[in-house]
Structures are given as structure tokens and as C-alpha cells.
Amino acid sequence: MIAHVVTLTFVEGAGPATIDEFHTALTRMRVELGDRIVSYHHGPALGLRPDGADYAIVSVVRDEEALHHYLDSSAHQAVNAEFADRLFAERRAVQIDYVAEGGSPD
């Protein structure tokens, strides 16, 4: 499996209403994508460490094909189109191998 991890830093002055809209859009997108995504978690940073990002998204998919389906989906593209320019000052993403606890990497 593959974990797609995204961290976001919001633009200066990003308001709570816009961040709430973004959160709702991500939740709705997850529902639309169904079982293509094994696990999906997102939310604002807890602020436990200094100099971190403002928000994180962790998506776990079965394989590279599922990752591309997720990233190229109209639902994912719609969220990016609606929020990227007005909310994201910085976006970082990485994909890593994901092994469920107690599982094997194969």
C-alpha cells in the first residue's frame, strides 16, 4: 500500500470559515471516492510543535494505480481548483510505502 501525505501552510489571514469549507470539501471528496481509498485522515495541526504546517492530509491507497485514480479524479481536482489559490501558501506532498500494523510489506 501507499500513503500519500500532504502538509499545507495557509496564506496569511486565512479565515476559519474558509478552512471549515475546505475541511468539509475534503470529507465530501472522501465519500465520493469510496473504497478506492483504504484510509483517509485530515485535519488542522494540533500546534504541539513550533514551525509546523497548518493542516495535514494522509490518504492510504492500495497501489500506484489507485493513487493516480485518486489524484486525477474529478473530485480531487475540484477541491484543488476551489481552494489552492486562495488558501495554500505552501503545499508539500510525499508518498511512502505503508504497511498496516501487524501486516507484511508484500
PDB file of N, CA and C in Angstrom:
ATOM      1  N   MET A   1       0.846  -1.174   0.000  1.00  0.00           N
ATOM      2  CA  MET A   1       0.000   0.000   0.000  1.00  0.00           C
ATOM      3  C   MET A   1       0.893   1.239   0.000  1.00  0.00           C
ATOM      4  N   ILE A   2       0.272   2.359  -0.329  1.00  0.00           N
ATOM      5  CA  ILE A   2       0.978   3.633  -0.420  1.00  0.00           C
ATOM      6  C   ILE A   2       0.252   4.662   0.443  1.00  0.00           C
ATOM      7  N   ALA A   3       1.022   5.392   1.248  1.00  0.00           N
ATOM      8  CA  ALA A   3       0.476   6.530   1.989  1.00  0.00           C
ATOM      9  C   ALA A   3       0.873   7.800   1.249  1.00  0.00           C
ATOM     10  N   HIS A   4      -0.095   8.605   0.928  1.00  0.00           N
ATOM     11  CA  HIS A   4       0.108   9.912   0.299  1.00  0.00           C
ATOM     12  C   HIS A   4      -0.102  10.942   1.400  1.00  0.00           C
ATOM     13  N   VAL A   5       0.963  11.633   1.779  1.00  0.00           N
ATOM     14  CA  VAL A   5       0.932  12.558   2.906  1.00  0.00           C
ATOM     15  C   VAL A   5       1.127  13.980   2.388  1.00  0.00           C
ATOM     16  N   VAL A   6       0.208  14.863   2.732  1.00  0.00           N
ATOM     17  CA  VAL A   6       0.267  16.257   2.290  1.00  0.00           C
ATOM     18  C   VAL A   6       0.250  17.151   3.515  1.00  0.00           C
ATOM     19  N   THR A   7       1.141  18.147   3.529  1.00  0.00           N
ATOM     20  CA  THR A   7       1.080  19.179   4.558  1.00  0.00           C
ATOM     21  C   THR A   7       0.844  20.509   3.861  1.00  0.00           C
ATOM     22  N   LEU A   8       0.041  21.331   4.502  1.00  0.00           N
ATOM     23  CA  LEU A   8      -0.331  22.623   3.932  1.00  0.00           C
ATOM     24  C   LEU A   8      -0.064  23.738   4.927  1.00  0.00           C
ATOM     25  N   THR A   9       0.471  24.824   4.414  1.00  0.00           N
ATOM     26  CA  THR A   9       0.571  26.061   5.173  1.00  0.00           C
ATOM     27  C   THR A   9      -0.376  27.039   4.493  1.00  0.00           C
ATOM     28  N   PHE A  10      -1.244  27.639   5.275  1.00  0.00           N
ATOM     29  CA  PHE A  10      -2.254  28.524   4.712  1.00  0.00           C
ATOM     30  C   PHE A  10      -1.709  29.933   4.513  1.00  0.00           C
ATOM     31  N   VAL A  11      -2.347  30.654   3.614  1.00  0.00           N
ATOM     32  CA  VAL A  11      -1.981  32.042   3.372  1.00  0.00           C
ATOM     33  C   VAL A  11      -2.274  32.867   4.623  1.00  0.00           C
ATOM     34  N   GLU A  12      -1.538  33.938   4.764  1.00  0.00           N
ATOM     35  CA  GLU A  12      -1.760  34.875   5.869  1.00  0.00           C
ATOM     36  C   GLU A  12      -3.211  35.355   5.813  1.00  0.00           C
ATOM     37  N   GLY A  13      -3.885  35.311   6.934  1.00  0.00           N
ATOM     38  CA  GLY A  13      -5.252  35.801   7.012  1.00  0.00           C
ATOM     39  C   GLY A  13      -6.321  34.810   6.574  1.00  0.00           C
ATOM     40  N   ALA A  14      -5.930  33.557   6.380  1.00  0.00           N
ATOM     41  CA  ALA A  14      -6.941  32.542   6.024  1.00  0.00           C
ATOM     42  C   ALA A  14      -7.951  32.458   7.161  1.00  0.00           C
ATOM     43  N   GLY A  15      -9.199  32.669   6.830  1.00  0.00           N
ATOM     44  CA  GLY A  15     -10.229  32.723   7.865  1.00  0.00           C
ATOM     45  C   GLY A  15     -10.780  31.360   8.222  1.00  0.00           C
ATOM     46  N   PRO A  16     -11.308  31.231   9.434  1.00  0.00           N
ATOM     47  CA  PRO A  16     -11.876  29.967   9.893  1.00  0.00           C
ATOM     48  C   PRO A  16     -13.004  29.456   8.995  1.00  0.00           C
ATOM     49  N   ALA A  17     -13.786  30.341   8.415  1.00  0.00           N
ATOM     50  CA  ALA A  17     -14.891  29.901   7.554  1.00  0.00           C
ATOM     51  C   ALA A  17     -14.347  29.200   6.310  1.00  0.00           C
ATOM     52  N   THR A  18     -13.294  29.741   5.713  1.00  0.00           N
ATOM     53  CA  THR A  18     -12.695  29.125   4.533  1.00  0.00           C
ATOM     54  C   THR A  18     -12.060  27.787   4.886  1.00  0.00           C
ATOM     55  N   ILE A  19     -11.395  27.727   6.019  1.00  0.00           N
ATOM     56  CA  ILE A  19     -10.775  26.473   6.458  1.00  0.00           C
ATOM     57  C   ILE A  19     -11.856  25.423   6.733  1.00  0.00           C
ATOM     58  N   ASP A  20     -12.969  25.826   7.329  1.00  0.00           N
ATOM     59  CA  ASP A  20     -14.088  24.900   7.554  1.00  0.00           C
ATOM     60  C   ASP A  20     -14.670  24.401   6.232  1.00  0.00           C
ATOM     61  N   GLU A  21     -14.790  25.287   5.245  1.00  0.00           N
ATOM     62  CA  GLU A  21     -15.278  24.889   3.919  1.00  0.00           C
ATOM     63  C   GLU A  21     -14.334  23.854   3.298  1.00  0.00           C
ATOM     64  N   PHE A  22     -13.034  24.090   3.442  1.00  0.00           N
ATOM     65  CA  PHE A  22     -12.028  23.172   2.920  1.00  0.00           C
ATOM     66  C   PHE A  22     -12.155  21.799   3.593  1.00  0.00           C
ATOM     67  N   HIS A  23     -12.280  21.806   4.912  1.00  0.00           N
ATOM     68  CA  HIS A  23     -12.427  20.574   5.672  1.00  0.00           C
ATOM     69  C   HIS A  23     -13.663  19.788   5.191  1.00  0.00           C
ATOM     70  N   THR A  24     -14.757  20.481   5.017  1.00  0.00           N
ATOM     71  CA  THR A  24     -15.997  19.851   4.557  1.00  0.00           C
ATOM     72  C   THR A  24     -15.824  19.296   3.139  1.00  0.00           C
ATOM     73  N   ALA A  25     -15.149  20.042   2.268  1.00  0.00           N
ATOM     74  CA  ALA A  25     -14.925  19.588   0.893  1.00  0.00           C
ATOM     75  C   ALA A  25     -14.077  18.319   0.872  1.00  0.00           C
ATOM     76  N   LEU A  26     -13.066  18.233   1.738  1.00  0.00           N
ATOM     77  CA  LEU A  26     -12.234  17.025   1.801  1.00  0.00           C
ATOM     78  C   LEU A  26     -13.049  15.830   2.291  1.00  0.00           C
ATOM     79  N   THR A  27     -13.882  16.041   3.271  1.00  0.00           N
ATOM     80  CA  THR A  27     -14.724  14.964   3.790  1.00  0.00           C
ATOM     81  C   THR A  27     -15.683  14.480   2.717  1.00  0.00           C
ATOM     82  N   ARG A  28     -16.278  15.398   1.986  1.00  0.00           N
ATOM     83  CA  ARG A  28     -17.195  15.054   0.897  1.00  0.00           C
ATOM     84  C   ARG A  28     -16.450  14.297  -0.211  1.00  0.00           C
ATOM     85  N   MET A  29     -15.236  14.746  -0.541  1.00  0.00           N
ATOM     86  CA  MET A  29     -14.437  14.083  -1.569  1.00  0.00           C
ATOM     87  C   MET A  29     -14.157  12.641  -1.169  1.00  0.00           C
ATOM     88  N   ARG A  30     -13.817  12.425   0.083  1.00  0.00           N
ATOM     89  CA  ARG A  30     -13.529  11.073   0.571  1.00  0.00           C
ATOM     90  C   ARG A  30     -14.726  10.155   0.352  1.00  0.00           C
ATOM     91  N   VAL A  31     -15.898  10.632   0.652  1.00  0.00           N
ATOM     92  CA  VAL A  31     -17.114   9.838   0.473  1.00  0.00           C
ATOM     93  C   VAL A  31     -17.322   9.525  -1.011  1.00  0.00           C
ATOM     94  N   GLU A  32     -17.099  10.505  -1.878  1.00  0.00           N
ATOM     95  CA  GLU A  32     -17.284  10.314  -3.316  1.00  0.00           C
ATOM     96  C   GLU A  32     -16.314   9.275  -3.880  1.00  0.00           C
ATOM     97  N   LEU A  33     -15.106   9.193  -3.342  1.00  0.00           N
ATOM     98  CA  LEU A  33     -14.106   8.276  -3.880  1.00  0.00           C
ATOM     99  C   LEU A  33     -14.281   6.846  -3.380  1.00  0.00           C
ATOM    100  N   GLY A  34     -15.068   6.661  -2.351  1.00  0.00           N
ATOM    101  CA  GLY A  34     -15.415   5.320  -1.886  1.00  0.00           C
ATOM    102  C   GLY A  34     -14.231   4.452  -1.516  1.00  0.00           C
ATOM    103  N   ASP A  35     -14.293   3.177  -1.919  1.00  0.00           N
ATOM    104  CA  ASP A  35     -13.292   2.209  -1.475  1.00  0.00           C
ATOM    105  C   ASP A  35     -11.983   2.264  -2.242  1.00  0.00           C
ATOM    106  N   ARG A  36     -11.827   3.218  -3.151  1.00  0.00           N
ATOM    107  CA  ARG A  36     -10.524   3.414  -3.797  1.00  0.00           C
ATOM    108  C   ARG A  36      -9.479   3.852  -2.767  1.00  0.00           C
ATOM    109  N   ILE A  37      -9.956   4.461  -1.696  1.00  0.00           N
ATOM    110  CA  ILE A  37      -9.074   4.915  -0.620  1.00  0.00           C
ATOM    111  C   ILE A  37      -9.267   3.979   0.567  1.00  0.00           C
ATOM    112  N   VAL A  38      -8.167   3.392   1.040  1.00  0.00           N
ATOM    113  CA  VAL A  38      -8.220   2.456   2.161  1.00  0.00           C
ATOM    114  C   VAL A  38      -8.450   3.213   3.468  1.00  0.00           C
ATOM    115  N   SER A  39      -7.760   4.325   3.624  1.00  0.00           N
ATOM    116  CA  SER A  39      -7.833   5.113   4.854  1.00  0.00           C
ATOM    117  C   SER A  39      -7.618   6.577   4.490  1.00  0.00           C
ATOM    118  N   TYR A  40      -8.308   7.467   5.183  1.00  0.00           N
ATOM    119  CA  TYR A  40      -8.214   8.896   4.865  1.00  0.00           C
ATOM    120  C   TYR A  40      -8.407   9.694   6.144  1.00  0.00           C
ATOM    121  N   HIS A  41      -7.420  10.486   6.479  1.00  0.00           N
ATOM    122  CA  HIS A  41      -7.483  11.328   7.682  1.00  0.00           C
ATOM    123  C   HIS A  41      -7.002  12.724   7.301  1.00  0.00           C
ATOM    124  N   HIS A  42      -7.658  13.731   7.848  1.00  0.00           N
ATOM    125  CA  HIS A  42      -7.234  15.103   7.586  1.00  0.00           C
ATOM    126  C   HIS A  42      -7.691  15.989   8.731  1.00  0.00           C
ATOM    127  N   GLY A  43      -6.945  17.066   8.914  1.00  0.00           N
ATOM    128  CA  GLY A  43      -7.347  18.000   9.951  1.00  0.00           C
ATOM    129  C   GLY A  43      -6.296  19.045  10.218  1.00  0.00           C
ATOM    130  N   PRO A  44      -6.670  20.047  10.999  1.00  0.00           N
ATOM    131  CA  PRO A  44      -5.740  21.116  11.342  1.00  0.00           C
ATOM    132  C   PRO A  44      -4.657  20.611  12.299  1.00  0.00           C
ATOM    133  N   ALA A  45      -3.509  21.236  12.215  1.00  0.00           N
ATOM    134  CA  ALA A  45      -2.404  20.895  13.113  1.00  0.00           C
ATOM    135  C   ALA A  45      -2.814  21.131  14.562  1.00  0.00           C
ATOM    136  N   LEU A  46      -2.325  20.286  15.418  1.00  0.00           N
ATOM    137  CA  LEU A  46      -2.615  20.433  16.845  1.00  0.00           C
ATOM    138  C   LEU A  46      -1.775  21.521  17.495  1.00  0.00           C
ATOM    139  N   GLY A  47      -0.716  21.942  16.821  1.00  0.00           N
ATOM    140  CA  GLY A  47       0.127  23.016  17.344  1.00  0.00           C
ATOM    141  C   GLY A  47       1.027  22.575  18.489  1.00  0.00           C
ATOM    142  N   LEU A  48       1.348  21.291  18.547  1.00  0.00           N
ATOM    143  CA  LEU A  48       2.160  20.773  19.642  1.00  0.00           C
ATOM    144  C   LEU A  48       3.648  21.060  19.473  1.00  0.00           C
ATOM    145  N   ARG A  49       4.072  21.378  18.238  1.00  0.00           N
ATOM    146  CA  ARG A  49       5.478  21.688  17.956  1.00  0.00           C
ATOM    147  C   ARG A  49       5.526  22.981  17.148  1.00  0.00           C
ATOM    148  N   PRO A  50       6.562  23.774  17.366  1.00  0.00           N
ATOM    149  CA  PRO A  50       6.668  25.038  16.625  1.00  0.00           C
ATOM    150  C   PRO A  50       7.028  24.794  15.154  1.00  0.00           C
ATOM    151  N   ASP A  51       6.726  25.779  14.348  1.00  0.00           N
ATOM    152  CA  ASP A  51       7.142  25.806  12.938  1.00  0.00           C
ATOM    153  C   ASP A  51       6.586  24.676  12.094  1.00  0.00           C
ATOM    154  N   GLY A  52       5.429  24.167  12.424  1.00  0.00           N
ATOM    155  CA  GLY A  52       4.817  23.111  11.621  1.00  0.00           C
ATOM    156  C   GLY A  52       3.858  23.683  10.599  1.00  0.00           C
ATOM    157  N   ALA A  53       3.300  22.803   9.806  1.00  0.00           N
ATOM    158  CA  ALA A  53       2.289  23.184   8.833  1.00  0.00           C
ATOM    159  C   ALA A  53       0.966  23.459   9.553  1.00  0.00           C
ATOM    160  N   ASP A  54       0.011  23.984   8.811  1.00  0.00           N
ATOM    161  CA  ASP A  54      -1.297  24.315   9.383  1.00  0.00           C
ATOM    162  C   ASP A  54      -2.306  23.169   9.294  1.00  0.00           C
ATOM    163  N   TYR A  55      -2.096  22.266   8.327  1.00  0.00           N
ATOM    164  CA  TYR A  55      -3.098  21.245   8.043  1.00  0.00           C
ATOM    165  C   TYR A  55      -2.390  20.053   7.422  1.00  0.00           C
ATOM    166  N   ALA A  56      -2.935  18.860   7.641  1.00  0.00           N
ATOM    167  CA  ALA A  56      -2.350  17.660   7.035  1.00  0.00           C
ATOM    168  C   ALA A  56      -3.442  16.749   6.496  1.00  0.00           C
ATOM    169  N   ILE A  57      -3.071  16.015   5.450  1.00  0.00           N
ATOM    170  CA  ILE A  57      -3.959  15.018   4.846  1.00  0.00           C
ATOM    171  C   ILE A  57      -3.137  13.752   4.666  1.00  0.00           C
ATOM    172  N   VAL A  58      -3.671  12.632   5.117  1.00  0.00           N
ATOM    173  CA  VAL A  58      -2.993  11.339   4.941  1.00  0.00           C
ATOM    174  C   VAL A  58      -3.986  10.390   4.279  1.00  0.00           C
ATOM    175  N   SER A  59      -3.663   9.994   3.056  1.00  0.00           N
ATOM    176  CA  SER A  59      -4.503   9.073   2.293  1.00  0.00           C
ATOM    177  C   SER A  59      -3.726   7.785   2.089  1.00  0.00           C
ATOM    178  N   VAL A  60      -4.345   6.659   2.373  1.00  0.00           N
ATOM    179  CA  VAL A  60      -3.720   5.364   2.122  1.00  0.00           C
ATOM    180  C   VAL A  60      -4.506   4.692   0.999  1.00  0.00           C
ATOM    181  N   VAL A  61      -3.770   4.268  -0.035  1.00  0.00           N
ATOM    182  CA  VAL A  61      -4.378   3.588  -1.181  1.00  0.00           C
ATOM    183  C   VAL A  61      -3.686   2.247  -1.389  1.00  0.00           C
ATOM    184  N   ARG A  62      -4.319   1.375  -2.125  1.00  0.00           N
ATOM    185  CA  ARG A  62      -3.786   0.018  -2.303  1.00  0.00           C
ATOM    186  C   ARG A  62      -2.522  -0.050  -3.146  1.00  0.00           C
ATOM    187  N   ASP A  63      -2.454   0.769  -4.196  1.00  0.00           N
ATOM    188  CA  ASP A  63      -1.319   0.662  -5.108  1.00  0.00           C
ATOM    189  C   ASP A  63      -1.184   1.953  -5.920  1.00  0.00           C
ATOM    190  N   GLU A  64      -0.203   1.974  -6.811  1.00  0.00           N
ATOM    191  CA  GLU A  64       0.058   3.172  -7.604  1.00  0.00           C
ATOM    192  C   GLU A  64      -1.121   3.523  -8.512  1.00  0.00           C
ATOM    193  N   GLU A  65      -1.773   2.523  -9.054  1.00  0.00           N
ATOM    194  CA  GLU A  65      -2.947   2.779  -9.905  1.00  0.00           C
ATOM    195  C   GLU A  65      -4.037   3.498  -9.115  1.00  0.00           C
ATOM    196  N   ALA A  66      -4.283   3.049  -7.891  1.00  0.00           N
ATOM    197  CA  ALA A  66      -5.296   3.692  -7.047  1.00  0.00           C
ATOM    198  C   ALA A  66      -4.872   5.113  -6.674  1.00  0.00           C
ATOM    199  N   LEU A  67      -3.574   5.326  -6.464  1.00  0.00           N
ATOM    200  CA  LEU A  67      -3.081   6.674  -6.157  1.00  0.00           C
ATOM    201  C   LEU A  67      -3.371   7.611  -7.318  1.00  0.00           C
ATOM    202  N   HIS A  68      -3.053   7.178  -8.532  1.00  0.00           N
ATOM    203  CA  HIS A  68      -3.305   8.023  -9.702  1.00  0.00           C
ATOM    204  C   HIS A  68      -4.797   8.258  -9.898  1.00  0.00           C
ATOM    205  N   HIS A  69      -5.601   7.244  -9.651  1.00  0.00           N
ATOM    206  CA  HIS A  69      -7.062   7.414  -9.754  1.00  0.00           C
ATOM    207  C   HIS A  69      -7.525   8.495  -8.775  1.00  0.00           C
ATOM    208  N   TYR A  70      -7.036   8.435  -7.561  1.00  0.00           N
ATOM    209  CA  TYR A  70      -7.398   9.415  -6.534  1.00  0.00           C
ATOM    210  C   TYR A  70      -6.940  10.819  -6.935  1.00  0.00           C
ATOM    211  N   LEU A  71      -5.664  10.966  -7.276  1.00  0.00           N
ATOM    212  CA  LEU A  71      -5.121  12.297  -7.583  1.00  0.00           C
ATOM    213  C   LEU A  71      -5.711  12.900  -8.854  1.00  0.00           C
ATOM    214  N   ASP A  72      -6.050  12.054  -9.817  1.00  0.00           N
ATOM    215  CA  ASP A  72      -6.585  12.529 -11.092  1.00  0.00           C
ATOM    216  C   ASP A  72      -8.108  12.606 -11.117  1.00  0.00           C
ATOM    217  N   SER A  73      -8.758  12.197 -10.041  1.00  0.00           N
ATOM    218  CA  SER A  73     -10.223  12.177 -10.011  1.00  0.00           C
ATOM    219  C   SER A  73     -10.790  13.595 -10.117  1.00  0.00           C
ATOM    220  N   SER A  74     -11.977  13.680 -10.661  1.00  0.00           N
ATOM    221  CA  SER A  74     -12.629  14.985 -10.773  1.00  0.00           C
ATOM    222  C   SER A  74     -12.907  15.576  -9.388  1.00  0.00           C
ATOM    223  N   ALA A  75     -13.191  14.724  -8.408  1.00  0.00           N
ATOM    224  CA  ALA A  75     -13.448  15.209  -7.048  1.00  0.00           C
ATOM    225  C   ALA A  75     -12.203  15.875  -6.458  1.00  0.00           C
ATOM    226  N   HIS A  76     -11.040  15.237  -6.630  1.00  0.00           N
ATOM    227  CA  HIS A  76      -9.785  15.795  -6.126  1.00  0.00           C
ATOM    228  C   HIS A  76      -9.434  17.083  -6.866  1.00  0.00           C
ATOM    229  N   GLN A  77      -9.600  17.066  -8.164  1.00  0.00           N
ATOM    230  CA  GLN A  77      -9.304  18.266  -8.964  1.00  0.00           C
ATOM    231  C   GLN A  77     -10.214  19.430  -8.574  1.00  0.00           C
ATOM    232  N   ALA A  78     -11.459  19.138  -8.260  1.00  0.00           N
ATOM    233  CA  ALA A  78     -12.404  20.190  -7.875  1.00  0.00           C
ATOM    234  C   ALA A  78     -11.996  20.853  -6.555  1.00  0.00           C
ATOM    235  N   VAL A  79     -11.552  20.052  -5.598  1.00  0.00           N
ATOM    236  CA  VAL A  79     -11.107  20.620  -4.316  1.00  0.00           C
ATOM    237  C   VAL A  79      -9.888  21.512  -4.540  1.00  0.00           C
ATOM    238  N   ASN A  80      -8.935  21.033  -5.332  1.00  0.00           N
ATOM    239  CA  ASN A  80      -7.751  21.853  -5.628  1.00  0.00           C
ATOM    240  C   ASN A  80      -8.136  23.147  -6.329  1.00  0.00           C
ATOM    241  N   ALA A  81      -9.011  23.054  -7.309  1.00  0.00           N
ATOM    242  CA  ALA A  81      -9.411  24.242  -8.061  1.00  0.00           C
ATOM    243  C   ALA A  81     -10.102  25.265  -7.163  1.00  0.00           C
ATOM    244  N   GLU A  82     -10.887  24.782  -6.233  1.00  0.00           N
ATOM    245  CA  GLU A  82     -11.636  25.693  -5.362  1.00  0.00           C
ATOM    246  C   GLU A  82     -10.776  26.353  -4.292  1.00  0.00           C
ATOM    247  N   PHE A  83      -9.766  25.626  -3.778  1.00  0.00           N
ATOM    248  CA  PHE A  83      -9.063  26.138  -2.595  1.00  0.00           C
ATOM    249  C   PHE A  83      -7.580  26.470  -2.774  1.00  0.00           C
ATOM    250  N   ALA A  84      -6.894  25.885  -3.724  1.00  0.00           N
ATOM    251  CA  ALA A  84      -5.436  26.029  -3.790  1.00  0.00           C
ATOM    252  C   ALA A  84      -4.989  27.488  -3.846  1.00  0.00           C
ATOM    253  N   ASP A  85      -5.515  28.253  -4.760  1.00  0.00           N
ATOM    254  CA  ASP A  85      -5.037  29.630  -4.937  1.00  0.00           C
ATOM    255  C   ASP A  85      -5.389  30.547  -3.776  1.00  0.00           C
ATOM    256  N   ARG A  86      -6.539  30.335  -3.180  1.00  0.00           N
ATOM    257  CA  ARG A  86      -6.963  31.265  -2.128  1.00  0.00           C
ATOM    258  C   ARG A  86      -6.590  30.830  -0.715  1.00  0.00           C
ATOM    259  N   LEU A  87      -6.128  29.580  -0.552  1.00  0.00           N
ATOM    260  CA  LEU A  87      -5.873  29.089   0.799  1.00  0.00           C
ATOM    261  C   LEU A  87      -4.445  28.601   1.038  1.00  0.00           C
ATOM    262  N   PHE A  88      -3.783  28.058   0.024  1.00  0.00           N
ATOM    263  CA  PHE A  88      -2.482  27.422   0.238  1.00  0.00           C
ATOM    264  C   PHE A  88      -1.324  28.373  -0.054  1.00  0.00           C
ATOM    265  N   ALA A  89      -0.523  28.652   0.963  1.00  0.00           N
ATOM    266  CA  ALA A  89       0.731  29.373   0.749  1.00  0.00           C
ATOM    267  C   ALA A  89       1.818  28.383   0.360  1.00  0.00           C
ATOM    268  N   GLU A  90       1.759  27.201   0.954  1.00  0.00           N
ATOM    269  CA  GLU A  90       2.734  26.153   0.654  1.00  0.00           C
ATOM    270  C   GLU A  90       2.062  24.790   0.761  1.00  0.00           C
ATOM    271  N   ARG A  91       2.393  23.935  -0.198  1.00  0.00           N
ATOM    272  CA  ARG A  91       1.878  22.562  -0.205  1.00  0.00           C
ATOM    273  C   ARG A  91       3.060  21.630  -0.412  1.00  0.00           C
ATOM    274  N   ARG A  92       3.179  20.635   0.430  1.00  0.00           N
ATOM    275  CA  ARG A  92       4.228  19.618   0.293  1.00  0.00           C
ATOM    276  C   ARG A  92       3.558  18.258   0.322  1.00  0.00           C
ATOM    277  N   ALA A  93       4.047  17.363  -0.538  1.00  0.00           N
ATOM    278  CA  ALA A  93       3.481  16.021  -0.591  1.00  0.00           C
ATOM    279  C   ALA A  93       4.599  14.997  -0.722  1.00  0.00           C
ATOM    280  N   VAL A  94       4.348  13.827  -0.158  1.00  0.00           N
ATOM    281  CA  VAL A  94       5.287  12.717  -0.269  1.00  0.00           C
ATOM    282  C   VAL A  94       4.470  11.427  -0.259  1.00  0.00           C
ATOM    283  N   GLN A  95       4.974  10.433  -0.964  1.00  0.00           N
ATOM    284  CA  GLN A  95       4.352   9.121  -0.958  1.00  0.00           C
ATOM    285  C   GLN A  95       5.354   8.142  -0.348  1.00  0.00           C
ATOM    286  N   ILE A  96       4.868   7.309   0.558  1.00  0.00           N
ATOM    287  CA  ILE A  96       5.741   6.328   1.203  1.00  0.00           C
ATOM    288  C   ILE A  96       5.041   4.971   1.215  1.00  0.00           C
ATOM    289  N   ASP A  97       5.859   3.911   1.308  1.00  0.00           N
ATOM    290  CA  ASP A  97       5.279   2.584   1.490  1.00  0.00           C
ATOM    291  C   ASP A  97       4.534   2.570   2.810  1.00  0.00           C
ATOM    292  N   TYR A  98       3.391   1.931   2.822  1.00  0.00           N
ATOM    293  CA  TYR A  98       2.592   1.851   4.035  1.00  0.00           C
ATOM    294  C   TYR A  98       2.309   0.389   4.331  1.00  0.00           C
ATOM    295  N   VAL A  99       2.646  -0.021   5.517  1.00  0.00           N
ATOM    296  CA  VAL A  99       2.350  -1.374   5.967  1.00  0.00           C
ATOM    297  C   VAL A  99       1.475  -1.249   7.205  1.00  0.00           C
ATOM    298  N   ALA A 100       0.285  -1.799   7.127  1.00  0.00           N
ATOM    299  CA  ALA A 100      -0.625  -1.742   8.267  1.00  0.00           C
ATOM    300  C   ALA A 100       0.018  -2.472   9.445  1.00  0.00           C
ATOM    301  N   GLU A 101      -0.264  -1.981  10.643  1.00  0.00           N
ATOM    302  CA  GLU A 101       0.293  -2.601  11.838  1.00  0.00           C
ATOM    303  C   GLU A 101      -0.040  -4.084  11.872  1.00  0.00           C
ATOM    304  N   GLY A 102       0.991  -4.894  12.059  1.00  0.00           N
ATOM    305  CA  GLY A 102       0.801  -6.333  12.092  1.00  0.00           C
ATOM    306  C   GLY A 102       0.833  -6.975  10.720  1.00  0.00           C
ATOM    307  N   GLY A 103       0.942  -6.125   9.657  1.00  0.00           N
ATOM    308  CA  GLY A 103       0.959  -6.653   8.297  1.00  0.00           C
ATOM    309  C   GLY A 103       2.373  -6.858   7.785  1.00  0.00           C
ATOM    310  N   SER A 104       2.468  -7.375   6.588  1.00  0.00           N
ATOM    311  CA  SER A 104       3.775  -7.539   5.956  1.00  0.00           C
ATOM    312  C   SER A 104       3.860  -6.611   4.758  1.00  0.00           C
ATOM    313  N   PRO A 105       5.067  -6.226   4.369  1.00  0.00           N
ATOM    314  CA  PRO A 105       5.204  -5.260   3.270  1.00  0.00           C
ATOM    315  C   PRO A 105       4.816  -5.824   1.910  1.00  0.00           C
ATOM    316  N   ASP A 106       4.648  -7.121   1.779  1.00  0.00           N
ATOM    317  CA  ASP A 106       4.318  -7.698   0.463  1.00  0.00           C
ATOM    318  C   ASP A 106       2.852  -7.873   0.264  1.00  0.00           C
TER     319      ASP A 106
END
